[in-house]
N, C-alpha and C. Protein backbone atom coordinates (compact mmCIF):
# COMPACT_ATOMS: atom_id res chain seq x y z
N UNK A 1 0.98 -1.05 -0.02
CA UNK A 1 0.11 -0.09 0.03
C UNK A 1 0.94 1.29 0.11
N UNK A 2 0.70 2.09 -0.92
CA UNK A 2 1.30 3.42 -1.00
C UNK A 2 0.65 4.43 -1.18
N UNK A 3 -0.13 4.93 -0.22
CA UNK A 3 -1.07 6.09 -0.29
C UNK A 3 -0.25 7.42 -0.74
N UNK A 4 -0.87 8.20 -1.67
CA UNK A 4 -0.28 9.32 -2.07
C UNK A 4 -1.22 10.50 -2.38
N UNK A 5 -2.59 10.24 -1.69
CA UNK A 5 -3.66 11.19 -1.83
C UNK A 5 -3.84 11.71 -0.39
N UNK A 6 -4.62 12.84 -0.30
CA UNK A 6 -4.93 13.39 0.83
C UNK A 6 -6.54 13.30 1.30
N UNK A 7 -6.97 12.78 2.18
CA UNK A 7 -8.06 12.41 2.55
C UNK A 7 -8.84 13.18 3.32
N UNK A 8 -10.04 13.96 3.33
CA UNK A 8 -10.51 14.88 4.25
C UNK A 8 -10.94 14.26 5.68
N UNK A 9 -10.87 15.14 6.43
CA UNK A 9 -11.15 14.54 8.01
C UNK A 9 -12.45 13.57 8.13
N UNK A 10 -13.43 13.95 7.39
CA UNK A 10 -14.59 13.30 7.21
C UNK A 10 -14.36 11.63 6.95
N UNK A 11 -13.30 11.42 5.79
CA UNK A 11 -12.98 10.14 5.42
C UNK A 11 -12.25 9.44 6.66
N UNK A 12 -11.55 10.17 7.38
CA UNK A 12 -10.84 9.29 8.54
C UNK A 12 -11.86 9.06 9.20
N UNK A 13 -12.96 9.79 9.81
CA UNK A 13 -13.93 9.31 10.50
C UNK A 13 -14.66 8.30 10.09
N UNK A 14 -15.01 8.28 8.77
CA UNK A 14 -15.62 7.09 7.99
C UNK A 14 -14.90 5.58 8.46
N UNK A 15 -13.39 5.82 8.34
CA UNK A 15 -12.93 4.84 8.47
C UNK A 15 -13.04 3.94 10.03
N UNK A 16 -13.27 5.11 10.94
CA UNK A 16 -13.39 4.66 12.44
C UNK A 16 -14.68 3.99 12.37
N UNK A 17 -15.62 4.44 11.72
CA UNK A 17 -17.06 4.00 11.79
C UNK A 17 -17.00 2.46 11.14
N UNK A 18 -16.17 2.44 10.14
CA UNK A 18 -16.45 1.18 9.29
C UNK A 18 -15.50 0.09 10.17
N UNK A 19 -14.41 0.45 10.66
CA UNK A 19 -13.70 -0.47 11.64
C UNK A 19 -14.54 -0.77 12.75
N UNK A 20 -15.32 -0.14 13.20
CA UNK A 20 -16.23 -0.49 14.36
C UNK A 20 -17.37 -1.34 13.79
N UNK A 21 -17.73 -1.07 12.72
CA UNK A 21 -18.69 -1.96 12.06
C UNK A 21 -18.24 -3.20 11.74
N UNK A 22 -17.02 -3.42 11.45
CA UNK A 22 -16.09 -4.50 11.27
C UNK A 22 -16.15 -5.69 12.63
N UNK A 23 -16.04 -4.88 13.66
CA UNK A 23 -16.05 -5.56 14.95
C UNK A 23 -17.50 -6.18 15.20
N UNK A 24 -18.47 -5.14 15.09
CA UNK A 24 -20.10 -5.83 15.28
C UNK A 24 -20.54 -6.82 14.37
N UNK A 25 -20.21 -6.73 13.04
CA UNK A 25 -20.47 -7.81 12.26
C UNK A 25 -19.70 -9.11 12.23
N UNK A 26 -18.49 -9.31 12.90
CA UNK A 26 -17.93 -10.38 13.35
C UNK A 26 -18.63 -11.10 14.28
N UNK A 27 -18.84 -10.62 15.31
CA UNK A 27 -19.74 -11.01 16.44
C UNK A 27 -21.29 -11.49 15.81
N UNK A 28 -21.91 -10.61 15.24
CA UNK A 28 -22.97 -11.34 14.65
C UNK A 28 -22.93 -12.38 13.80
N UNK A 29 -22.08 -12.21 12.94
CA UNK A 29 -21.64 -13.56 12.13
C UNK A 29 -21.60 -14.79 12.74
N UNK A 30 -20.45 -14.72 13.75
CA UNK A 30 -20.35 -15.96 14.61
C UNK A 30 -21.66 -16.35 15.32
N UNK A 31 -22.38 -15.64 15.78
CA UNK A 31 -23.71 -15.78 16.41
C UNK A 31 -24.72 -16.32 15.71
N UNK A 32 -24.74 -15.89 14.33
CA UNK A 32 -25.74 -16.39 13.29
C UNK A 32 -25.34 -17.72 12.84
N UNK A 33 -23.97 -17.99 12.56
CA UNK A 33 -23.40 -19.19 12.07
C UNK A 33 -23.64 -20.54 13.35
N UNK A 34 -23.66 -19.89 14.50
CA UNK A 34 -23.99 -20.93 15.56
C UNK A 34 -25.46 -21.33 15.52
N UNK A 35 -26.41 -20.27 15.44
CA UNK A 35 -27.69 -20.58 15.41
C UNK A 35 -28.16 -21.33 14.32
N UNK A 36 -27.47 -21.04 12.96
CA UNK A 36 -27.69 -21.69 11.68
C UNK A 36 -27.24 -23.37 12.07
N UNK A 37 -26.15 -23.43 12.95
CA UNK A 37 -25.72 -24.77 13.16
C UNK A 37 -26.68 -25.47 14.03
N UNK A 38 -27.50 -24.98 14.61
CA UNK A 38 -28.56 -25.53 15.44
C UNK A 38 -29.93 -25.66 14.63
N UNK A 39 -29.83 -25.27 13.45
CA UNK A 39 -30.83 -25.20 12.54
C UNK A 39 -32.02 -24.25 12.95
N UNK A 40 -31.91 -23.08 13.32
CA UNK A 40 -32.60 -22.11 13.98
C UNK A 40 -33.28 -21.45 12.32
N UNK A 41 -34.35 -21.43 12.16
CA UNK A 41 -34.91 -20.81 10.80
C UNK A 41 -34.29 -19.64 10.38
N UNK A 42 -33.94 -19.33 9.20
CA UNK A 42 -33.45 -18.12 8.80
C UNK A 42 -32.14 -17.54 9.02
N UNK A 43 -31.44 -18.29 10.00
CA UNK A 43 -30.21 -17.73 10.51
C UNK A 43 -29.24 -18.06 9.43
N UNK A 44 -29.15 -19.26 8.63
CA UNK A 44 -28.17 -19.48 7.65
C UNK A 44 -28.21 -18.28 6.66
N UNK A 45 -29.39 -17.76 6.03
CA UNK A 45 -29.32 -16.63 5.28
C UNK A 45 -29.01 -15.61 5.65
N UNK A 46 -29.24 -15.32 7.09
CA UNK A 46 -28.84 -14.13 7.81
C UNK A 46 -27.47 -14.10 7.73
N UNK A 47 -26.73 -15.10 8.25
CA UNK A 47 -25.22 -15.35 8.32
C UNK A 47 -24.70 -14.99 6.99
N UNK A 48 -25.09 -15.36 5.84
CA UNK A 48 -24.54 -15.29 4.53
C UNK A 48 -24.63 -13.76 4.27
N UNK A 49 -25.82 -13.07 4.61
CA UNK A 49 -25.85 -11.75 4.46
C UNK A 49 -25.01 -11.17 5.08
N UNK A 50 -24.72 -11.35 6.27
CA UNK A 50 -23.72 -10.69 7.28
C UNK A 50 -22.34 -10.80 6.80
N UNK A 51 -22.06 -11.96 6.28
CA UNK A 51 -20.69 -12.19 5.72
C UNK A 51 -20.46 -11.38 4.52
N UNK A 52 -21.32 -11.29 3.79
CA UNK A 52 -21.30 -10.14 2.51
C UNK A 52 -21.04 -8.88 2.99
N UNK A 53 -21.88 -8.32 4.13
CA UNK A 53 -21.30 -7.15 4.62
C UNK A 53 -20.12 -6.91 5.20
N UNK A 54 -19.81 -8.10 5.78
CA UNK A 54 -18.43 -7.98 6.43
C UNK A 54 -17.34 -7.86 5.11
N UNK A 55 -17.38 -8.78 4.32
CA UNK A 55 -16.40 -8.65 3.36
C UNK A 55 -16.34 -7.45 2.48
N UNK A 56 -17.64 -6.76 2.30
CA UNK A 56 -17.84 -5.66 1.57
C UNK A 56 -17.35 -4.34 2.39
N UNK A 57 -17.52 -4.32 3.50
CA UNK A 57 -17.06 -3.36 4.50
C UNK A 57 -15.39 -3.36 4.60
N UNK A 58 -15.05 -4.56 4.40
CA UNK A 58 -13.43 -4.80 4.47
C UNK A 58 -12.94 -3.90 3.29
N UNK A 59 -13.39 -4.42 2.12
CA UNK A 59 -12.84 -3.89 0.86
C UNK A 59 -13.16 -2.42 0.77
N UNK A 60 -14.15 -1.77 1.24
CA UNK A 60 -14.44 -0.51 1.29
C UNK A 60 -13.42 0.27 2.27
N UNK A 61 -13.13 -0.29 3.38
CA UNK A 61 -12.27 0.12 4.37
C UNK A 61 -10.82 0.27 3.74
N UNK A 62 -10.68 -0.85 3.05
CA UNK A 62 -9.10 -0.82 2.45
C UNK A 62 -8.96 0.23 1.21
N UNK A 63 -10.07 0.49 0.51
CA UNK A 63 -10.13 1.47 -0.67
C UNK A 63 -9.94 2.77 -0.01
N UNK A 64 -10.62 3.15 1.00
CA UNK A 64 -10.68 4.61 1.81
C UNK A 64 -9.15 4.96 2.44
N UNK A 65 -8.73 3.50 3.03
CA UNK A 65 -7.54 3.69 3.50
C UNK A 65 -6.47 4.18 2.64
N UNK A 66 -6.47 3.76 1.49
CA UNK A 66 -5.48 3.99 0.15
C UNK A 66 -5.46 5.59 0.12
N UNK A 67 -6.48 6.36 0.43
CA UNK A 67 -6.50 7.81 0.00
C UNK A 67 -5.95 8.54 1.19
N UNK A 68 -5.19 8.19 2.00
CA UNK A 68 -5.00 9.06 3.19
C UNK A 68 -3.37 9.34 2.66
N UNK A 69 -2.78 10.21 3.77
CA UNK A 69 -1.44 10.65 3.32
C UNK A 69 -0.38 9.47 3.75
N UNK A 70 0.95 9.82 3.34
CA UNK A 70 2.13 8.84 3.18
C UNK A 70 2.27 8.31 4.52
N UNK A 71 2.09 9.27 5.66
CA UNK A 71 2.47 8.76 7.25
C UNK A 71 1.46 7.87 7.66
N UNK A 72 0.15 8.42 7.55
CA UNK A 72 -1.17 7.80 7.96
C UNK A 72 -1.20 6.38 7.30
N UNK A 73 -0.88 6.36 5.83
CA UNK A 73 -0.91 5.19 4.98
C UNK A 73 0.10 4.07 5.60
N UNK A 74 1.35 4.49 6.19
CA UNK A 74 2.22 3.49 6.49
C UNK A 74 1.90 3.03 7.91
N UNK A 75 1.06 3.81 8.54
CA UNK A 75 0.44 3.38 10.03
C UNK A 75 -0.64 2.20 9.80
N UNK A 76 -1.48 2.42 8.59
CA UNK A 76 -2.43 1.55 8.44
C UNK A 76 -1.76 0.28 7.72
N UNK A 77 -0.72 0.43 6.85
CA UNK A 77 -0.04 -0.75 6.11
C UNK A 77 0.59 -1.37 7.38
N UNK A 78 0.94 -0.72 8.41
CA UNK A 78 1.79 -1.58 9.39
C UNK A 78 0.99 -2.45 10.21
N UNK A 79 -0.21 -1.84 10.54
CA UNK A 79 -1.38 -2.63 11.42
C UNK A 79 -1.87 -3.87 10.72
N UNK A 80 -1.97 -3.45 9.14
CA UNK A 80 -2.71 -4.65 8.52
C UNK A 80 -1.59 -5.55 8.12
N UNK A 81 -0.42 -5.11 7.75
CA UNK A 81 0.70 -5.87 7.42
C UNK A 81 1.58 -6.71 8.71
N UNK A 82 2.32 -5.81 9.20
CA UNK A 82 3.36 -6.40 10.21
C UNK A 82 2.69 -6.80 11.53
N UNK A 83 1.35 -6.19 11.83
CA UNK A 83 0.81 -6.69 12.78
C UNK A 83 -0.37 -7.67 12.73
N UNK A 84 -0.28 -8.04 11.22
CA UNK A 84 -1.17 -9.20 10.97
C UNK A 84 -2.88 -9.00 10.88
N UNK A 85 -3.10 -7.79 10.85
CA UNK A 85 -4.73 -7.66 10.97
C UNK A 85 -5.38 -8.04 9.78
N UNK A 86 -4.79 -7.77 8.48
CA UNK A 86 -5.49 -8.25 7.39
C UNK A 86 -5.35 -9.79 7.25
N UNK A 87 -4.10 -10.32 7.65
CA UNK A 87 -4.23 -11.83 7.68
C UNK A 87 -5.38 -12.66 8.52
N UNK A 88 -5.53 -11.85 9.80
CA UNK A 88 -6.42 -12.35 10.56
C UNK A 88 -7.84 -12.16 10.22
N UNK A 89 -8.16 -11.00 9.56
CA UNK A 89 -9.53 -10.75 8.97
C UNK A 89 -10.07 -11.80 7.73
N UNK A 90 -8.77 -11.83 7.01
CA UNK A 90 -8.79 -12.79 5.87
C UNK A 90 -9.23 -14.16 6.32
N UNK A 91 -8.33 -14.60 7.19
CA UNK A 91 -8.69 -16.00 7.72
C UNK A 91 -10.07 -16.14 8.36
N UNK A 92 -10.45 -15.33 8.99
CA UNK A 92 -11.68 -15.32 9.68
C UNK A 92 -12.87 -15.39 8.62
N UNK A 93 -12.46 -14.46 7.71
CA UNK A 93 -13.59 -14.49 6.63
C UNK A 93 -13.74 -15.96 5.81
N UNK A 94 -12.62 -16.71 5.59
CA UNK A 94 -12.56 -17.77 4.84
C UNK A 94 -12.99 -19.03 5.74
N UNK A 95 -12.94 -18.95 7.03
CA UNK A 95 -13.43 -19.95 7.91
C UNK A 95 -15.00 -19.88 8.06
N UNK A 96 -15.46 -18.63 7.93
CA UNK A 96 -16.97 -18.53 8.03
C UNK A 96 -17.62 -18.90 6.64
N UNK A 97 -16.64 -18.45 5.53
CA UNK A 97 -17.14 -19.16 4.14
C UNK A 97 -17.26 -20.54 4.32
N UNK A 98 -16.31 -21.26 4.77
CA UNK A 98 -16.30 -22.83 4.75
C UNK A 98 -17.27 -23.43 5.57
N UNK A 99 -17.86 -22.39 6.76
CA UNK A 99 -18.64 -23.08 7.70
C UNK A 99 -19.95 -22.87 6.93
N UNK A 100 -20.37 -21.83 6.20
CA UNK A 100 -21.44 -21.58 5.67
C UNK A 100 -22.05 -22.75 4.46
N UNK A 101 -20.79 -22.97 3.61
CA UNK A 101 -20.72 -23.90 2.81
C UNK A 101 -21.10 -25.41 3.14
N UNK A 102 -20.35 -25.55 4.51
CA UNK A 102 -20.71 -26.94 5.25
C UNK A 102 -22.18 -27.01 5.51
N UNK A 103 -22.71 -25.57 6.00
CA UNK A 103 -24.30 -25.79 6.70
C UNK A 103 -25.11 -25.84 5.67
N UNK A 104 -24.73 -25.61 4.40
CA UNK A 104 -25.56 -25.82 3.21
C UNK A 104 -25.85 -27.40 2.83
N UNK A 105 -24.86 -28.13 3.25
CA UNK A 105 -24.91 -29.54 2.84
C UNK A 105 -25.87 -30.35 3.86
N UNK A 106 -26.31 -31.59 3.73
CA UNK A 106 -27.10 -32.33 4.26
C UNK A 106 -26.33 -32.38 5.65
N UNK A 107 -27.22 -32.81 6.87
CA UNK A 107 -26.48 -32.93 8.11
C UNK A 107 -25.37 -33.79 8.09
N UNK A 108 -25.53 -35.00 7.47
CA UNK A 108 -24.60 -36.18 7.54
C UNK A 108 -23.41 -35.79 6.87
N UNK A 109 -23.30 -34.93 6.05
CA UNK A 109 -22.17 -34.53 5.03
C UNK A 109 -21.47 -33.01 5.77
N UNK A 110 -22.02 -32.57 6.95
CA UNK A 110 -21.29 -31.30 7.32
C UNK A 110 -20.06 -31.74 8.07
N UNK A 111 -19.23 -30.86 7.93
CA UNK A 111 -18.08 -30.68 8.68
C UNK A 111 -18.00 -29.92 9.83
N UNK A 112 -17.13 -29.81 10.87
CA UNK A 112 -17.28 -29.05 11.96
C UNK A 112 -17.21 -27.28 11.78
N UNK A 113 -17.85 -26.76 12.38
CA UNK A 113 -17.51 -25.29 12.47
C UNK A 113 -17.01 -24.63 13.47
N UNK A 114 -16.44 -25.41 14.54
CA UNK A 114 -16.04 -24.71 15.59
C UNK A 114 -14.78 -23.58 15.52
N UNK A 115 -14.22 -23.65 14.29
CA UNK A 115 -12.78 -22.91 14.28
C UNK A 115 -13.49 -21.61 13.96
N UNK A 116 -14.68 -21.32 13.64
CA UNK A 116 -15.25 -19.79 13.51
C UNK A 116 -15.36 -19.26 14.94
N UNK A 117 -15.76 -20.06 15.97
CA UNK A 117 -15.97 -19.56 17.22
C UNK A 117 -14.70 -19.38 17.73
N UNK A 118 -13.81 -20.28 17.70
CA UNK A 118 -12.42 -20.25 18.44
C UNK A 118 -11.64 -19.15 17.84
N UNK A 119 -11.68 -18.74 16.64
CA UNK A 119 -11.02 -17.57 16.06
C UNK A 119 -11.55 -16.28 16.35
N UNK A 120 -12.82 -16.27 16.87
CA UNK A 120 -13.49 -14.81 17.09
C UNK A 120 -12.73 -14.00 17.92
N UNK A 121 -12.16 -14.40 19.07
CA UNK A 121 -11.25 -13.45 20.08
C UNK A 121 -10.19 -12.84 19.13
N UNK A 122 -9.41 -13.77 18.35
CA UNK A 122 -8.29 -13.29 17.75
C UNK A 122 -8.67 -11.90 16.34
N UNK A 123 -9.92 -12.23 15.80
CA UNK A 123 -10.39 -11.20 15.22
C UNK A 123 -10.83 -9.94 15.59
N UNK A 124 -11.65 -10.33 16.66
CA UNK A 124 -11.91 -8.83 17.62
C UNK A 124 -10.74 -8.25 18.05
N UNK A 125 -9.55 -8.86 18.62
CA UNK A 125 -8.36 -8.19 19.00
C UNK A 125 -7.78 -7.38 17.73
N UNK A 126 -7.92 -8.05 16.58
CA UNK A 126 -7.16 -7.71 15.58
C UNK A 126 -8.12 -6.36 15.09
N UNK A 127 -9.52 -6.37 14.98
CA UNK A 127 -10.23 -5.25 14.55
C UNK A 127 -10.06 -4.20 15.59
N UNK A 128 -10.03 -4.45 16.90
CA UNK A 128 -9.72 -3.41 17.94
C UNK A 128 -8.47 -2.82 17.81
N UNK A 129 -7.36 -3.40 17.20
CA UNK A 129 -6.22 -2.85 17.05
C UNK A 129 -6.36 -1.87 15.80
N UNK A 130 -7.11 -2.31 14.60
CA UNK A 130 -7.26 -1.43 13.48
C UNK A 130 -7.99 -0.40 13.76
N UNK A 131 -9.02 -0.47 14.62
CA UNK A 131 -9.82 0.72 15.21
C UNK A 131 -9.16 1.77 15.91
N UNK A 132 -8.29 1.41 16.69
CA UNK A 132 -7.43 2.21 17.72
C UNK A 132 -6.45 3.21 16.63
N UNK A 133 -5.98 2.52 15.32
CA UNK A 133 -5.25 3.23 14.49
C UNK A 133 -6.11 4.24 13.86
N UNK A 134 -7.30 3.89 13.33
CA UNK A 134 -8.14 4.90 12.72
C UNK A 134 -8.44 5.91 13.61
N UNK A 135 -8.64 5.59 14.81
CA UNK A 135 -9.21 6.52 15.79
C UNK A 135 -8.02 7.46 16.05
N UNK A 136 -6.78 7.15 15.92
CA UNK A 136 -5.68 7.76 16.19
C UNK A 136 -5.54 9.00 14.93
N UNK A 137 -5.64 8.13 13.67
CA UNK A 137 -5.64 9.21 12.66
C UNK A 137 -6.87 10.46 12.34
N UNK A 138 -7.95 10.05 12.69
CA UNK A 138 -9.00 10.70 12.93
C UNK A 138 -8.75 11.89 13.94
N UNK A 139 -8.10 11.57 15.22
CA UNK A 139 -8.06 12.48 16.05
C UNK A 139 -7.14 13.50 15.83
N UNK A 140 -5.87 13.05 15.02
CA UNK A 140 -5.04 14.04 14.48
C UNK A 140 -5.53 15.02 13.40
N UNK A 141 -6.24 14.26 12.75
CA UNK A 141 -7.08 15.28 11.48
C UNK A 141 -7.65 16.25 12.17
N UNK A 142 -8.59 16.11 13.16
CA UNK A 142 -9.42 16.89 13.56
C UNK A 142 -8.80 18.00 14.16
N UNK A 143 -7.55 17.68 14.99
CA UNK A 143 -6.75 18.55 15.74
C UNK A 143 -6.23 19.50 14.52
N UNK A 144 -5.68 19.14 13.58
CA UNK A 144 -5.07 20.11 12.54
C UNK A 144 -6.29 20.83 11.68
N UNK A 145 -7.35 20.33 11.63
CA UNK A 145 -8.48 20.99 11.03
C UNK A 145 -8.76 21.99 12.08
N UNK A 146 -8.92 21.97 13.30
CA UNK A 146 -9.44 23.00 14.35
C UNK A 146 -8.31 23.94 14.29
N UNK A 147 -7.01 23.62 14.01
CA UNK A 147 -5.86 24.70 14.15
C UNK A 147 -6.20 25.49 12.86
N UNK A 148 -6.39 24.86 11.97
CA UNK A 148 -6.57 25.59 10.66
C UNK A 148 -7.72 26.75 10.61
N UNK A 149 -8.69 26.28 11.12
CA UNK A 149 -9.92 26.92 11.18
C UNK A 149 -9.59 28.23 12.08
N UNK A 150 -9.05 28.12 13.41
CA UNK A 150 -8.76 28.97 14.16
C UNK A 150 -7.98 30.22 13.38
N UNK A 151 -6.85 29.58 12.70
CA UNK A 151 -6.01 30.36 11.78
C UNK A 151 -6.83 31.33 10.80
N UNK A 152 -7.82 30.68 10.21
CA UNK A 152 -8.72 31.24 9.20
C UNK A 152 -9.55 32.52 9.93
N UNK A 153 -9.94 32.20 11.02
CA UNK A 153 -10.98 33.15 11.83
C UNK A 153 -10.05 34.41 12.44
N UNK A 154 -8.80 34.08 12.76
CA UNK A 154 -7.80 35.12 13.35
C UNK A 154 -7.50 36.15 12.12
N UNK A 155 -7.37 35.40 11.02
CA UNK A 155 -7.19 36.39 9.88
C UNK A 155 -8.31 37.08 9.37
N UNK A 156 -9.63 36.38 9.58
CA UNK A 156 -10.92 37.51 9.13
C UNK A 156 -10.87 38.44 10.48
N UNK A 157 -10.58 38.23 11.61
CA UNK A 157 -10.57 39.18 12.47
C UNK A 157 -9.69 40.36 12.36
N UNK A 158 -8.60 40.03 11.72
CA UNK A 158 -7.54 41.27 11.37
C UNK A 158 -8.03 41.86 10.51
N UNK A 159 -8.72 41.11 9.23
CA UNK A 159 -9.26 42.09 8.20
C UNK A 159 -10.20 43.01 8.69
N UNK A 160 -11.04 42.59 9.71
CA UNK A 160 -12.22 43.39 10.17
C UNK A 160 -11.50 44.66 10.94
N UNK A 161 -10.42 44.27 11.62
CA UNK A 161 -9.90 45.42 12.57
C UNK A 161 -9.24 46.40 11.56
N UNK A 162 -8.71 45.87 10.35
CA UNK A 162 -8.11 46.96 9.23
C UNK A 162 -9.35 47.82 8.60
N UNK A 163 -10.62 46.95 8.44
CA UNK A 163 -11.74 47.73 7.80
C UNK A 163 -12.29 48.81 8.67
N UNK A 164 -12.20 48.59 10.16
CA UNK A 164 -12.58 49.59 10.94
C UNK A 164 -11.68 50.94 10.99
N UNK A 165 -10.33 50.51 10.85
CA UNK A 165 -9.55 51.76 10.68
C UNK A 165 -9.83 52.57 9.69
N UNK A 166 -10.12 51.89 8.16
CA UNK A 166 -10.29 52.52 7.21
C UNK A 166 -11.46 53.25 7.36
N UNK A 167 -12.75 52.75 7.68
CA UNK A 167 -14.05 53.31 7.82
C UNK A 167 -13.72 54.49 8.88
N UNK A 168 -13.17 54.61 9.79
CA UNK A 168 -13.12 55.66 10.79
C UNK A 168 -12.16 56.72 10.18
N UNK A 169 -10.95 56.56 9.30
CA UNK A 169 -10.57 57.51 8.74
C UNK A 169 -11.49 58.14 7.63
N UNK A 170 -12.18 57.27 6.92
CA UNK A 170 -13.09 57.70 6.22
C UNK A 170 -14.15 58.73 6.50
N UNK A 171 -14.64 58.35 7.82
CA UNK A 171 -15.70 59.48 8.28
C UNK A 171 -15.07 60.48 8.71
N UNK A 172 -13.81 60.61 9.08
CA UNK A 172 -13.10 61.73 9.57
C UNK A 172 -13.15 62.71 8.39
N UNK A 173 -12.65 62.17 7.04
CA UNK A 173 -12.33 62.69 5.63
C UNK A 173 -13.79 63.39 5.37
N UNK A 174 -14.87 62.47 5.60
CA UNK A 174 -16.34 62.78 5.18
C UNK A 174 -16.64 64.19 5.88
N UNK A 175 -16.54 64.19 7.25
CA UNK A 175 -17.02 65.28 8.11
C UNK A 175 -16.13 66.43 7.73
N UNK A 176 -14.75 66.29 7.36
CA UNK A 176 -14.06 67.54 6.89
C UNK A 176 -14.61 68.14 5.66
N UNK A 177 -15.27 67.11 4.95
CA UNK A 177 -15.50 67.63 3.61
C UNK A 177 -17.14 68.30 3.60
N UNK A 178 -17.74 68.20 4.88
CA UNK A 178 -18.81 68.80 4.71
C UNK A 178 -20.17 68.19 3.94
N UNK A 179 -21.06 68.94 3.24
CA UNK A 179 -21.98 68.48 2.67
C UNK A 179 -21.76 67.51 1.40
N UNK A 180 -20.53 67.97 0.90
CA UNK A 180 -19.85 67.29 -0.38
C UNK A 180 -19.58 66.01 0.01
N UNK A 181 -19.19 65.77 1.15
CA UNK A 181 -18.80 64.33 1.82
C UNK A 181 -19.87 63.52 2.51
N UNK A 182 -21.04 63.75 2.34
CA UNK A 182 -22.16 63.36 3.23
C UNK A 182 -22.25 61.71 2.60
N UNK A 183 -22.46 61.78 1.31
CA UNK A 183 -22.69 60.33 0.75
C UNK A 183 -21.35 59.47 1.04
N UNK A 184 -20.14 60.01 1.03
CA UNK A 184 -19.08 59.37 1.23
C UNK A 184 -19.25 59.03 2.93
N UNK A 185 -19.69 59.72 3.74
CA UNK A 185 -19.96 59.27 5.15
C UNK A 185 -20.92 58.33 5.37
N UNK A 186 -21.90 58.18 4.68
CA UNK A 186 -22.70 57.23 4.64
C UNK A 186 -22.13 55.69 4.47
N UNK A 187 -21.35 55.85 3.16
CA UNK A 187 -20.74 54.61 2.77
C UNK A 187 -19.69 54.09 3.98
N UNK A 188 -19.02 55.03 4.29
CA UNK A 188 -18.06 54.99 5.50
C UNK A 188 -18.48 54.23 6.67
N UNK A 189 -19.69 54.74 7.04
CA UNK A 189 -20.65 54.43 8.16
C UNK A 189 -21.12 52.77 8.04
N UNK A 190 -21.49 52.55 6.85
CA UNK A 190 -22.14 51.18 6.52
C UNK A 190 -20.64 50.14 6.61
N UNK A 191 -19.59 50.55 6.01
CA UNK A 191 -18.45 49.77 6.22
C UNK A 191 -17.95 49.61 7.73
N UNK A 192 -18.19 50.44 8.29
CA UNK A 192 -17.82 50.24 9.80
C UNK A 192 -18.83 49.33 10.41
N UNK A 193 -20.26 49.32 10.20
CA UNK A 193 -21.12 48.39 10.67
C UNK A 193 -21.07 47.07 10.19
N UNK A 194 -20.35 46.85 9.02
CA UNK A 194 -20.10 45.61 8.18
C UNK A 194 -18.87 45.05 9.19
N UNK A 195 -17.92 45.86 9.25
CA UNK A 195 -16.47 45.24 9.72
C UNK A 195 -16.96 45.08 11.31
N UNK A 196 -17.59 45.75 12.04
CA UNK A 196 -17.99 45.50 13.40
C UNK A 196 -18.71 43.97 13.46
N UNK A 197 -19.71 43.97 12.55
CA UNK A 197 -20.49 42.56 12.62
C UNK A 197 -19.59 41.34 12.37
N UNK A 198 -18.57 41.58 11.16
CA UNK A 198 -17.60 40.53 10.97
C UNK A 198 -16.68 40.21 12.00
N UNK A 199 -16.19 41.28 12.72
CA UNK A 199 -15.28 41.12 14.04
C UNK A 199 -16.06 40.14 15.02
N UNK A 200 -17.55 40.64 15.16
CA UNK A 200 -18.34 39.65 16.12
C UNK A 200 -18.42 38.17 15.82
N UNK A 201 -18.47 38.12 14.45
CA UNK A 201 -18.74 36.69 14.05
C UNK A 201 -17.46 35.91 14.16
N UNK A 202 -16.28 36.79 13.72
CA UNK A 202 -14.74 36.07 13.97
C UNK A 202 -14.62 35.60 15.61
N UNK A 203 -15.07 36.65 16.37
CA UNK A 203 -14.81 36.22 17.80
C UNK A 203 -15.61 35.13 18.27
N UNK A 204 -16.83 34.98 17.75
CA UNK A 204 -17.87 33.90 17.99
C UNK A 204 -16.81 32.54 17.37
N UNK A 205 -16.52 32.69 16.27
CA UNK A 205 -15.92 31.55 15.56
C UNK A 205 -14.68 31.07 16.39
N UNK A 206 -14.04 32.01 17.02
CA UNK A 206 -12.71 31.67 17.88
C UNK A 206 -13.01 31.01 19.09
N UNK A 207 -14.41 31.43 19.64
CA UNK A 207 -15.00 30.96 20.78
C UNK A 207 -15.35 29.33 20.54
N UNK A 208 -16.18 29.13 19.25
CA UNK A 208 -16.34 27.75 19.10
C UNK A 208 -15.42 26.85 18.72
N UNK A 209 -14.30 27.33 18.08
CA UNK A 209 -13.21 26.38 17.96
C UNK A 209 -12.37 26.06 19.22
N UNK A 210 -12.43 27.07 20.14
CA UNK A 210 -11.88 26.78 21.69
C UNK A 210 -12.75 25.83 22.44
N UNK A 211 -13.95 25.77 22.04
CA UNK A 211 -14.85 24.66 22.87
C UNK A 211 -14.60 23.16 22.23
N UNK A 212 -13.85 22.87 21.17
CA UNK A 212 -13.77 21.47 20.73
C UNK A 212 -12.78 20.87 21.33
């Protein structure tokens, strides 16, 4: 995996959600296979649907992960490669596929499906590890975003201050000009009101950023 694109913060958050969904689906899948093994009506079909969701979510998660920056991509590649999360997920998926294929056979021809349950702790541990990495990426992106927003709002506030100075000087000039400067004074007054409102909104923005 060699990510070379920049992903928005919302994308990082969606990875956290998808990783958490993987954990939930793995548990649901194991339970549905257990119920299907006990011939509970509708559970085999439900397990097959959950397996499709699980595999589709994994594919979507990997596609989204490829759109992150280099440093973040290396973290994800490490957790799915060196720390074997990808291998564990693939193994769990294959065991579930074999179990479902076996449960489609007549009872006398079925093989054991215990390895699905025995491997559940391992896959949950792996998915928890992946989720923690995605959560870290999301937190860092949000922190950078808040810092950038604060900088933008501060710049707006500086522009508003400059506009106030300009409007004040314009009002002084209009007053000295007498009647001929009346219309100019109205424009200067309007500019002062606008700059005051912009400054108020900028202060509010800084306050909101500070609450995050």
